[in-house]
N, C-alpha and C. Protein backbone atom coordinates (compact mmCIF):
# COMPACT_ATOMS: atom_id res chain seq x y z
N MET A 1 0.99 -1.19 0.14
CA MET A 1 0.07 -0.36 0.05
C MET A 1 0.37 0.82 0.24
N ALA A 2 0.25 1.99 -0.76
CA ALA A 2 1.04 3.49 -0.86
C ALA A 2 0.67 4.37 0.16
N PHE A 3 1.81 5.45 0.63
CA PHE A 3 1.53 5.95 1.73
C PHE A 3 1.77 7.19 1.37
N ASP A 4 0.98 8.42 1.79
CA ASP A 4 0.79 9.94 1.52
C ASP A 4 2.16 10.53 2.23
N ALA A 5 3.30 10.76 0.49
CA ALA A 5 3.95 11.31 0.99
C ALA A 5 3.81 12.58 1.71
N ALA A 6 3.33 13.26 0.94
CA ALA A 6 3.15 15.08 1.87
C ALA A 6 3.06 14.88 3.07
N LEU A 7 2.42 13.91 3.45
CA LEU A 7 1.70 13.90 4.56
C LEU A 7 2.77 13.45 5.73
N ALA A 8 3.60 12.40 4.95
CA ALA A 8 5.26 12.19 5.77
C ALA A 8 5.85 13.15 5.84
N ASP A 9 6.08 14.31 4.84
CA ASP A 9 7.31 15.35 4.61
C ASP A 9 6.41 16.41 5.92
N ARG A 10 4.97 16.22 6.22
CA ARG A 10 4.61 17.31 6.93
C ARG A 10 5.31 16.64 8.51
N VAL A 11 5.05 15.90 8.85
CA VAL A 11 5.89 14.56 9.95
C VAL A 11 6.81 14.95 9.99
N ARG A 12 7.79 15.03 9.00
CA ARG A 12 9.05 15.36 9.39
C ARG A 12 9.75 16.77 9.52
N VAL A 13 8.94 17.90 9.01
CA VAL A 13 8.83 19.27 9.29
C VAL A 13 8.45 19.26 11.11
N VAL A 14 7.78 18.61 11.34
CA VAL A 14 7.41 18.68 13.02
C VAL A 14 8.31 17.89 14.04
N LEU A 15 8.71 17.05 12.99
CA LEU A 15 10.14 16.34 13.65
C LEU A 15 11.34 16.57 13.70
N ALA A 16 11.42 18.31 12.83
CA ALA A 16 12.52 18.41 12.31
C ALA A 16 14.34 18.74 13.12
N ARG A 17 13.87 19.55 14.19
CA ARG A 17 14.37 20.01 15.09
C ARG A 17 14.99 18.81 16.72
N ARG A 18 14.25 17.66 16.54
CA ARG A 18 14.59 16.64 17.71
C ARG A 18 15.55 15.72 17.06
N ARG A 19 16.15 15.02 18.20
CA ARG A 19 17.14 14.43 18.38
C ARG A 19 17.15 12.81 18.31
N GLY A 20 17.29 12.03 17.89
CA GLY A 20 17.57 10.64 18.72
C GLY A 20 15.88 9.94 17.99
N LEU A 21 15.70 10.26 16.69
CA LEU A 21 14.73 9.77 16.07
C LEU A 21 14.90 8.96 14.83
N ALA A 22 13.73 7.98 14.46
CA ALA A 22 14.48 7.52 13.13
C ALA A 22 13.21 7.40 12.38
N GLU A 23 13.26 6.80 11.60
CA GLU A 23 12.52 6.72 10.45
C GLU A 23 12.44 5.07 9.81
N ARG A 24 11.44 4.70 9.73
CA ARG A 24 11.63 2.91 9.01
C ARG A 24 9.97 2.87 8.86
N LYS A 25 10.07 1.99 7.38
CA LYS A 25 8.91 1.63 6.41
C LYS A 25 8.43 0.37 7.38
N MET A 26 7.02 0.43 7.10
CA MET A 26 6.57 -0.12 8.52
C MET A 26 4.84 -0.34 7.67
N PHE A 27 4.43 -1.42 8.30
CA PHE A 27 2.60 -1.99 8.11
C PHE A 27 2.49 -1.27 6.77
N GLY A 28 3.06 -1.11 5.80
CA GLY A 28 2.74 -0.60 4.25
C GLY A 28 2.86 0.82 4.13
N GLY A 29 3.51 1.18 5.47
CA GLY A 29 3.62 3.00 4.94
C GLY A 29 5.01 3.30 5.77
N ILE A 30 5.23 4.39 6.37
CA ILE A 30 6.29 4.96 6.79
C ILE A 30 6.03 5.32 8.35
N ALA A 31 6.85 4.46 9.37
CA ALA A 31 6.61 4.98 11.16
C ALA A 31 8.12 5.65 11.18
N PHE A 32 7.76 6.48 12.26
CA PHE A 32 8.82 7.05 13.06
C PHE A 32 8.74 6.45 14.40
N LEU A 33 10.24 6.62 14.69
CA LEU A 33 10.50 5.43 16.37
C LEU A 33 11.72 6.97 17.20
N ALA A 34 11.00 6.51 18.25
CA ALA A 34 11.61 7.19 19.46
C ALA A 34 12.41 6.08 20.16
N GLY A 35 13.91 5.61 20.59
CA GLY A 35 14.51 4.63 21.04
C GLY A 35 14.06 3.01 20.90
N GLY A 36 13.80 3.45 19.54
CA GLY A 36 13.46 1.72 19.00
C GLY A 36 11.48 1.65 18.95
N HIS A 37 10.89 2.69 19.71
CA HIS A 37 8.92 2.26 19.55
C HIS A 37 8.81 3.14 18.58
N MET A 38 7.76 3.10 17.64
CA MET A 38 6.84 3.68 16.54
C MET A 38 6.73 4.38 17.94
N PHE A 39 6.00 5.61 17.41
CA PHE A 39 5.19 6.63 18.13
C PHE A 39 4.40 7.14 16.79
N CYS A 40 4.71 7.09 15.44
CA CYS A 40 3.63 7.37 14.60
C CYS A 40 4.42 7.16 13.68
N GLY A 41 3.24 7.87 12.61
CA GLY A 41 3.68 7.33 11.17
C GLY A 41 2.43 7.34 9.93
N VAL A 42 2.28 7.14 8.85
CA VAL A 42 1.40 7.30 7.63
C VAL A 42 1.26 6.12 7.32
N ASN A 43 -0.20 5.89 7.19
CA ASN A 43 0.04 4.56 6.00
C ASN A 43 -1.74 4.76 5.68
N GLY A 44 -1.33 4.85 4.45
CA GLY A 44 -2.02 5.13 3.20
C GLY A 44 -2.47 7.17 3.45
N GLU A 45 -3.45 6.92 3.92
CA GLU A 45 -3.41 8.66 4.03
C GLU A 45 -3.56 9.36 5.34
N ASP A 46 -4.16 7.92 6.58
CA ASP A 46 -4.39 8.23 7.66
C ASP A 46 -2.82 8.12 8.44
N LEU A 47 -2.93 9.69 9.51
CA LEU A 47 -1.87 9.47 10.61
C LEU A 47 -1.74 8.18 11.41
N VAL A 48 -0.83 7.72 11.84
CA VAL A 48 -0.80 6.55 12.74
C VAL A 48 -0.17 7.23 14.41
N VAL A 49 -0.82 6.98 15.21
CA VAL A 49 -0.24 7.61 16.20
C VAL A 49 -0.55 6.35 17.48
N ARG A 50 0.57 6.46 18.13
CA ARG A 50 0.98 5.37 19.09
C ARG A 50 0.43 6.36 20.49
N VAL A 51 -0.99 6.27 21.13
CA VAL A 51 -1.28 6.72 22.43
C VAL A 51 -1.40 6.45 23.71
N GLY A 52 -0.83 4.67 23.35
CA GLY A 52 -0.90 3.85 24.52
C GLY A 52 -1.99 3.54 24.75
N PRO A 53 -2.28 2.37 26.24
CA PRO A 53 -3.52 1.55 26.45
C PRO A 53 -4.85 2.82 27.06
N ASP A 54 -3.57 3.63 27.94
CA ASP A 54 -4.39 4.39 28.87
C ASP A 54 -5.10 5.70 28.14
N GLY A 55 -4.51 6.14 27.14
CA GLY A 55 -4.89 7.36 26.61
C GLY A 55 -5.72 6.69 25.05
N TRP A 56 -6.05 6.18 25.01
CA TRP A 56 -6.57 5.20 23.79
C TRP A 56 -8.14 5.27 23.59
N ALA A 57 -8.80 5.53 24.66
CA ALA A 57 -10.54 5.91 25.10
C ALA A 57 -10.02 7.63 24.27
N ASP A 58 -9.46 7.83 25.41
CA ASP A 58 -9.77 9.21 25.28
C ASP A 58 -9.25 9.83 23.73
N ALA A 59 -8.47 9.10 22.70
CA ALA A 59 -7.92 9.30 21.83
C ALA A 59 -9.32 9.19 20.52
N LEU A 60 -9.79 8.02 20.83
CA LEU A 60 -10.77 7.44 20.26
C LEU A 60 -12.07 8.54 20.21
N ALA A 61 -12.12 8.85 21.38
CA ALA A 61 -13.37 9.91 21.46
C ALA A 61 -13.65 11.38 20.65
N ARG A 62 -12.11 11.62 19.43
CA ARG A 62 -11.93 12.56 18.87
C ARG A 62 -12.49 12.20 17.80
N ARG A 63 -12.92 13.48 17.36
CA ARG A 63 -13.66 13.48 15.91
C ARG A 63 -11.89 12.69 15.03
N HIS A 64 -12.52 12.36 13.89
CA HIS A 64 -11.57 11.98 13.08
C HIS A 64 -10.99 10.71 12.91
N VAL A 65 -11.41 9.99 14.26
CA VAL A 65 -9.68 8.95 15.05
C VAL A 65 -10.86 7.57 15.05
N ARG A 66 -9.98 6.61 14.35
CA ARG A 66 -10.83 5.42 14.42
C ARG A 66 -9.33 4.06 15.31
N PRO A 67 -9.72 3.90 15.44
CA PRO A 67 -8.96 2.12 15.37
C PRO A 67 -8.45 2.09 14.81
N MET A 68 -6.24 1.56 15.05
CA MET A 68 -5.70 1.27 13.96
C MET A 68 -6.04 -0.30 13.94
N ASP A 69 -6.97 -0.54 12.81
CA ASP A 69 -7.15 -1.74 12.26
C ASP A 69 -6.36 -2.67 10.91
N PHE A 70 -5.41 -2.73 10.91
CA PHE A 70 -5.13 -3.80 9.56
C PHE A 70 -5.70 -4.80 9.48
N THR A 71 -5.49 -5.42 10.49
CA THR A 71 -5.59 -7.04 10.63
C THR A 71 -6.47 -7.76 10.75
N GLY A 72 -7.55 -7.07 11.05
CA GLY A 72 -8.92 -7.17 11.49
C GLY A 72 -9.20 -7.31 13.19
N LYS A 73 -7.90 -7.17 13.51
CA LYS A 73 -7.80 -6.32 15.22
C LYS A 73 -7.70 -5.35 15.25
N PRO A 74 -8.43 -4.61 16.30
CA PRO A 74 -7.42 -3.06 16.36
C PRO A 74 -6.60 -3.48 17.34
N LEU A 75 -5.51 -2.66 17.33
CA LEU A 75 -4.53 -2.56 17.99
C LEU A 75 -5.06 -1.79 19.46
N THR A 76 -4.76 -1.93 20.38
CA THR A 76 -4.95 -1.27 21.33
C THR A 76 -3.99 -0.16 21.86
N GLY A 77 -3.84 1.17 21.86
CA GLY A 77 -2.99 1.84 21.87
C GLY A 77 -2.73 3.02 20.82
N TYR A 78 -2.93 2.23 19.56
CA TYR A 78 -3.02 2.79 18.10
C TYR A 78 -4.34 3.02 17.64
N VAL A 79 -4.20 4.29 17.22
CA VAL A 79 -5.14 4.96 16.23
C VAL A 79 -5.04 5.68 14.99
N TYR A 80 -5.63 5.69 14.00
CA TYR A 80 -5.96 6.38 12.51
C TYR A 80 -6.39 7.59 13.14
N VAL A 81 -6.00 8.47 12.47
CA VAL A 81 -5.96 10.11 12.54
C VAL A 81 -6.77 10.38 10.88
N ALA A 82 -7.59 10.30 10.52
CA ALA A 82 -7.98 10.46 9.29
C ALA A 82 -7.33 12.14 8.55
N PRO A 83 -7.36 12.23 7.59
CA PRO A 83 -6.70 13.41 6.62
C PRO A 83 -7.23 14.69 7.51
N ALA A 84 -8.61 14.56 7.72
CA ALA A 84 -9.37 16.40 7.86
C ALA A 84 -8.70 16.69 9.79
N GLY A 85 -8.75 15.05 10.27
CA GLY A 85 -7.89 15.68 11.54
C GLY A 85 -6.59 16.14 11.93
N VAL A 86 -5.43 16.22 10.70
CA VAL A 86 -4.36 16.59 11.05
C VAL A 86 -3.90 17.67 9.63
N ARG A 87 -5.22 18.34 9.38
CA ARG A 87 -5.40 19.20 8.12
C ARG A 87 -4.75 20.68 8.52
N HIS A 88 -4.87 21.14 9.65
CA HIS A 88 -3.97 22.51 9.99
C HIS A 88 -3.20 21.51 10.97
N ALA A 89 -1.25 22.40 10.39
CA ALA A 89 -0.66 21.98 11.43
C ALA A 89 -0.67 22.24 12.83
N ALA A 90 -0.89 22.71 13.54
CA ALA A 90 -1.05 22.72 14.81
C ALA A 90 -1.32 21.55 15.44
N ALA A 91 -3.16 20.62 14.42
CA ALA A 91 -3.51 19.72 14.90
C ALA A 91 -2.76 18.39 14.56
N LEU A 92 -1.80 17.88 13.40
CA LEU A 92 -0.61 17.67 13.60
C LEU A 92 0.26 17.23 14.26
N LYS A 93 0.98 18.48 15.25
CA LYS A 93 2.03 18.67 15.61
C LYS A 93 1.28 18.10 17.19
N ALA A 94 -0.07 18.39 17.26
CA ALA A 94 -0.61 18.24 18.35
C ALA A 94 -0.55 16.30 18.73
N TRP A 95 -0.65 15.69 17.79
CA TRP A 95 -0.92 13.61 17.44
C TRP A 95 0.68 13.83 17.29
N VAL A 96 1.73 14.03 16.91
CA VAL A 96 2.99 13.86 16.50
C VAL A 96 3.70 13.84 18.25
N ASP A 97 2.66 14.93 18.76
CA ASP A 97 3.51 14.99 20.06
C ASP A 97 3.39 14.23 21.00
N ARG A 98 1.54 14.13 21.06
CA ARG A 98 1.16 12.90 22.25
C ARG A 98 1.72 11.60 21.65
N GLY A 99 1.92 11.09 20.46
CA GLY A 99 2.58 10.05 20.70
C GLY A 99 4.32 10.12 20.97
N LEU A 100 4.74 10.97 20.43
CA LEU A 100 6.83 11.16 20.84
C LEU A 100 6.56 11.35 22.63
N ALA A 101 5.15 11.69 23.64
CA ALA A 101 5.22 12.04 24.48
C ALA A 101 5.45 10.25 25.31
N PHE A 102 4.60 9.71 24.74
CA PHE A 102 3.89 7.90 25.14
C PHE A 102 4.94 7.06 24.66
N ALA A 103 5.60 7.32 23.59
CA ALA A 103 6.87 6.52 23.41
C ALA A 103 8.16 6.93 24.32
N ARG A 104 8.42 7.78 24.56
CA ARG A 104 9.70 8.41 25.72
C ARG A 104 9.13 7.90 27.03
N THR A 105 8.12 7.28 27.82
CA THR A 105 7.54 7.07 28.97
C THR A 105 7.86 5.43 28.56
N LEU A 106 8.35 4.65 27.43
CA LEU A 106 9.12 3.36 27.12
C LEU A 106 10.48 3.46 27.27
N PRO A 107 11.25 2.02 28.04
CA PRO A 107 12.68 1.58 28.04
C PRO A 107 13.07 1.92 26.86
N PRO A 108 14.39 2.29 26.58
CA PRO A 108 14.41 2.22 25.05
C PRO A 108 14.72 0.91 25.07
N LYS A 109 14.19 0.49 22.96
CA LYS A 109 14.98 -1.09 22.53
C LYS A 109 16.77 -1.24 22.19
N GLY A 110 16.92 -2.48 22.89
CA GLY A 110 18.18 -2.37 22.61
C GLY A 110 19.07 -3.02 22.30
């Protein structure tokens, strides 16, 4: 599956001044990692955000958000944010920051 390269570039802009991050092809799209943990990515036209199990219900209550489900079973702690939910730079930054904040609570992989 192809992914929205323009959205990936917008994520890169949000992350441009941050250190210790990596980028990898995953889930048929692109993933951004901190400490070896995926915190956001782009799959198709959607932003993928890792919000963690405790933040999952809150994230799902927001507009333009649905469970990440590409295998027939939702991945608890991950959500898809539709293009309308990240149309504005501030919204995209908020979601990317939320995912990064969660990933930084996890021990580095190693």
